[in-house]
Amino acid sequence: MIGIVGLGYVGITSLLCFHKLGAHVIGVDNNDTRIKDLNSGKLPIHDADLDAYLKDVFKDIEFNTDLSSLKDCSDIFICVPTNSKEGRLNLDSVKSVIRELDKIGEFNIWIRSTVDTPSIFETLNSKTSRIFSFPEFLREGKCWEDFFNPPLLILGGDKCEDTLVYSILKDNIRKPDVCNIPEAITVKIASNAFHALKVAFTNELRNIEWIEKIDLS
């Protein structure tokens, strides 16, 4: 069984897509309105394929605000926001979830929330669980497509091959590339930087004063 904590675009994509692959999933979020919407089949993000799938299966999936509902899971994804704070990403919510999970049981914990340095993993201490990196490469609006046909499929950590997540991905999508956590995070950071570079390049071209004289088709 797979639990997902944080049901934004990364979390809800992970939940619905692993459900499509045959996994038993449970979704947890501290936003009561979001949980109510999901239990009514309403998607919190824009993605046509995810929306259609949720409408078909929402009655068969458990959504709630209670972390203890994950006690029987073997693998848990942490997908909570890590918004910027004083120039760095704020992992307070990630750490809080890990502390609460330590009170519940022993899991394989997969960090899907964005982190900005491998050294942060040294502060994500768990008394009982193993912690892995599962960076996401999803585009909002195309999450379903990107999950099932990912440009990169990377798992970071020791003995990832022994986990349920690795087995499901290998059997249904393709064999994940396994590396250490610093390598996994570096690939994620490099991907983000490259996409930002492409956006800046495109914006520069669009902003030239004679753009109306150029056929961009």
Protein backbone atom coordinates (compact mmCIF):
# COMPACT_ATOMS: atom_id res chain seq x y z
CA MET A 1 0.00 0.00 0.00
CA ILE A 2 1.23 3.50 -0.87
CA GLY A 3 0.38 6.63 1.10
CA ILE A 4 0.68 10.15 -0.28
CA VAL A 5 1.01 13.15 2.03
CA GLY A 6 0.26 16.46 0.32
CA LEU A 7 -2.25 16.42 -2.54
CA GLY A 8 -1.12 19.28 -4.76
CA TYR A 9 -0.16 18.64 -8.36
CA VAL A 10 2.74 16.30 -7.50
CA GLY A 11 0.87 14.41 -4.80
CA ILE A 12 -2.43 13.91 -6.59
CA THR A 13 -0.60 12.90 -9.78
CA SER A 14 1.43 10.34 -7.84
CA LEU A 15 -1.67 8.99 -6.15
CA LEU A 16 -3.87 8.65 -9.22
CA CYS A 17 -1.14 7.30 -11.47
CA PHE A 18 0.00 4.65 -8.98
CA HIS A 19 -3.66 3.73 -8.54
CA LYS A 20 -3.87 3.29 -12.31
CA LEU A 21 -0.87 0.95 -12.07
CA GLY A 22 -2.79 -1.22 -9.63
CA ALA A 23 -1.47 0.02 -6.27
CA HIS A 24 -3.72 0.46 -3.25
CA VAL A 25 -3.32 4.16 -2.37
CA ILE A 26 -4.40 6.53 0.41
CA GLY A 27 -4.19 10.32 0.16
CA VAL A 28 -3.70 12.66 3.13
CA ASP A 29 -3.74 16.46 3.17
CA ASN A 30 -4.28 18.98 5.98
CA ASN A 31 -6.55 21.10 3.79
CA ASP A 32 -10.14 20.14 4.69
CA THR A 33 -11.59 21.80 1.60
CA ARG A 34 -9.23 19.92 -0.70
CA ILE A 35 -10.12 16.61 0.92
CA LYS A 36 -13.83 17.38 0.60
CA ASP A 37 -13.37 18.23 -3.08
CA LEU A 38 -11.40 15.07 -3.80
CA ASN A 39 -14.01 12.95 -2.05
CA SER A 40 -16.51 14.54 -4.44
CA GLY A 41 -14.36 13.83 -7.49
CA LYS A 42 -13.10 17.40 -7.92
CA LEU A 43 -9.45 17.73 -8.96
CA PRO A 44 -7.42 20.54 -7.28
CA ILE A 45 -5.29 21.15 -10.41
CA HIS A 46 -5.85 21.45 -14.15
CA ASP A 47 -5.09 18.25 -16.04
CA ALA A 48 -7.73 16.77 -18.33
CA ASP A 49 -6.52 13.17 -18.08
CA LEU A 50 -6.15 13.24 -14.31
CA ASP A 51 -9.56 14.87 -14.00
CA ALA A 52 -11.23 12.20 -16.12
CA TYR A 53 -9.57 9.40 -14.17
CA LEU A 54 -10.47 10.87 -10.77
CA LYS A 55 -14.11 11.15 -11.77
CA ASP A 56 -14.11 7.42 -12.56
CA VAL A 57 -12.37 6.18 -9.42
CA PHE A 58 -12.73 8.73 -6.58
CA LYS A 59 -15.30 6.62 -4.74
CA ASP A 60 -12.76 3.78 -4.52
CA ILE A 61 -9.95 5.90 -3.02
CA GLU A 62 -9.57 7.04 0.58
CA PHE A 63 -8.83 10.75 1.06
CA ASN A 64 -8.55 12.17 4.57
CA THR A 65 -6.60 14.47 6.91
CA ASP A 66 -5.36 11.75 9.28
CA LEU A 67 -1.74 10.58 8.97
CA SER A 68 -2.51 7.56 11.15
CA SER A 69 -4.57 6.17 8.26
CA LEU A 70 -1.22 5.38 6.60
CA LYS A 71 -0.12 2.93 9.31
CA ASP A 72 -0.47 -0.09 7.01
CA CYS A 73 1.47 1.44 4.10
CA SER A 74 4.89 0.15 3.14
CA ASP A 75 5.83 3.24 1.13
CA ILE A 76 4.85 6.86 1.72
CA PHE A 77 5.41 9.85 -0.56
CA ILE A 78 5.92 13.27 1.00
CA CYS A 79 4.70 15.87 -1.49
CA VAL A 80 4.08 18.87 0.75
CA PRO A 81 5.04 22.42 -0.34
CA THR A 82 8.62 23.62 0.28
CA ASN A 83 8.17 27.30 -0.48
CA SER A 84 11.09 29.70 -0.29
CA LYS A 85 12.02 31.20 3.10
CA GLU A 86 14.90 33.65 3.47
CA GLY A 87 16.41 32.57 0.17
CA ARG A 88 16.21 28.82 0.80
CA LEU A 89 13.49 26.23 0.53
CA ASN A 90 11.56 25.71 3.74
CA LEU A 91 11.43 22.05 4.72
CA ASP A 92 9.61 22.54 8.02
CA SER A 93 6.52 20.74 6.72
CA VAL A 94 8.57 17.81 5.44
CA LYS A 95 10.31 17.43 8.80
CA SER A 96 7.00 17.69 10.63
CA VAL A 97 5.47 14.90 8.55
CA ILE A 98 8.49 12.65 9.19
CA ARG A 99 8.22 13.25 12.95
CA GLU A 100 4.55 12.32 12.90
CA LEU A 101 5.17 9.22 10.78
CA ASP A 102 7.80 8.08 13.30
CA LYS A 103 4.99 7.87 15.86
CA ILE A 104 2.98 5.59 13.60
CA GLY A 105 5.34 2.98 12.19
CA GLU A 106 8.23 2.04 9.92
CA PHE A 107 8.07 2.98 6.23
CA ASN A 108 9.98 3.64 3.06
CA ILE A 109 9.62 7.43 2.86
CA TRP A 110 10.00 9.00 -0.57
CA ILE A 111 10.69 12.74 -0.73
CA ARG A 112 8.93 14.11 -3.81
CA SER A 113 8.82 17.65 -2.42
CA THR A 114 11.42 19.86 -4.07
CA VAL A 115 14.68 20.28 -2.15
CA ASP A 116 17.60 22.52 -3.14
CA THR A 117 20.62 20.70 -1.72
CA PRO A 118 21.49 17.07 -0.84
CA SER A 119 22.73 18.18 2.57
CA ILE A 120 19.12 18.82 3.58
CA PHE A 121 18.61 15.06 3.67
CA GLU A 122 21.04 14.96 6.59
CA THR A 123 18.45 16.90 8.61
CA LEU A 124 15.52 14.68 7.58
CA ASN A 125 16.13 12.23 10.37
CA SER A 126 13.73 9.37 10.99
CA LYS A 127 13.90 7.12 14.01
CA THR A 128 12.30 4.19 12.23
CA SER A 129 12.02 4.68 8.47
CA ARG A 130 14.32 4.68 5.44
CA ILE A 131 14.31 7.90 3.43
CA PHE A 132 14.70 8.07 -0.35
CA SER A 133 14.62 10.72 -3.06
CA PHE A 134 12.02 10.44 -5.83
CA PRO A 135 12.37 13.66 -7.84
CA GLU A 136 9.46 14.58 -10.09
CA PHE A 137 9.67 15.83 -13.65
CA LEU A 138 6.07 16.86 -14.20
CA ARG A 139 4.59 19.75 -16.16
CA GLU A 140 1.37 21.22 -14.79
CA GLY A 141 -1.40 20.41 -17.24
CA LYS A 142 0.51 17.42 -18.62
CA CYS A 143 1.11 15.49 -15.39
CA TRP A 144 -0.63 12.30 -16.51
CA GLU A 145 1.32 12.22 -19.76
CA ASP A 146 4.64 12.93 -18.03
CA PHE A 147 4.11 10.28 -15.37
CA PHE A 148 3.51 7.44 -17.79
CA ASN A 149 6.07 8.62 -20.33
CA PRO A 150 8.65 10.32 -18.11
CA PRO A 151 11.71 12.03 -19.60
CA LEU A 152 13.60 10.87 -16.50
CA LEU A 153 12.77 8.18 -13.97
CA ILE A 154 15.18 8.38 -11.05
CA LEU A 155 15.19 6.94 -7.54
CA GLY A 156 17.86 8.02 -5.08
CA GLY A 157 18.97 6.12 -2.01
CA ASP A 158 20.38 2.86 -0.70
CA LYS A 159 18.66 -0.36 -1.82
CA CYS A 160 15.84 1.33 -3.74
CA GLU A 161 15.44 -1.94 -5.64
CA ASP A 162 13.98 -3.59 -2.53
CA THR A 163 10.97 -1.26 -2.36
CA LEU A 164 7.40 -1.54 -3.60
CA VAL A 165 7.76 1.70 -5.56
CA TYR A 166 10.73 0.38 -7.54
CA SER A 167 8.89 -2.86 -8.31
CA ILE A 168 5.74 -1.12 -9.57
CA LEU A 169 7.67 1.29 -11.78
CA LYS A 170 9.92 -1.44 -13.21
CA ASP A 171 7.01 -3.73 -14.03
CA ASN A 172 4.67 -1.10 -15.48
CA ILE A 173 6.69 1.79 -16.92
CA ARG A 174 10.39 0.99 -17.15
CA LYS A 175 13.32 0.13 -14.93
CA PRO A 176 14.16 3.27 -12.91
CA ASP A 177 17.67 4.67 -12.89
CA VAL A 178 18.98 4.19 -9.35
CA CYS A 179 21.63 6.45 -7.87
CA ASN A 180 22.61 8.06 -4.60
CA ILE A 181 20.60 10.96 -3.18
CA PRO A 182 23.07 13.75 -4.16
CA GLU A 183 23.00 12.49 -7.76
CA ALA A 184 19.19 12.37 -7.85
CA ILE A 185 18.88 15.91 -6.52
CA THR A 186 21.55 17.20 -8.90
CA VAL A 187 19.62 15.87 -11.90
CA LYS A 188 16.47 17.59 -10.60
CA ILE A 189 18.26 20.91 -10.08
CA ALA A 190 19.90 20.68 -13.51
CA SER A 191 16.53 19.98 -15.13
CA ASN A 192 14.91 22.98 -13.39
CA ALA A 193 17.80 25.24 -14.41
CA PHE A 194 17.65 24.11 -18.03
CA HIS A 195 13.90 24.77 -18.24
CA ALA A 196 14.40 28.22 -16.68
CA LEU A 197 17.09 28.91 -19.30
CA LYS A 198 14.69 27.99 -22.10
CA VAL A 199 12.00 30.27 -20.70
CA ALA A 200 14.44 33.19 -20.41
CA PHE A 201 15.68 32.59 -23.96
CA THR A 202 12.13 32.53 -25.34
CA ASN A 203 11.16 35.67 -23.43
CA GLU A 204 14.17 37.56 -24.79
CA LEU A 205 13.16 36.74 -28.36
CA ARG A 206 9.53 37.67 -27.75
CA ASN A 207 10.56 41.03 -26.29
CA ILE A 208 12.56 42.32 -29.25
CA GLU A 209 10.96 45.46 -30.61
CA TRP A 210 10.62 44.20 -34.20
CA ILE A 211 8.95 40.91 -33.22
CA GLU A 212 5.86 41.79 -35.28
CA LYS A 213 7.98 41.62 -38.44
CA ILE A 214 9.00 38.02 -37.81
CA ASP A 215 6.98 34.96 -38.83
CA LEU A 216 7.27 32.70 -35.77
CA SER A 217 5.28 29.90 -37.35
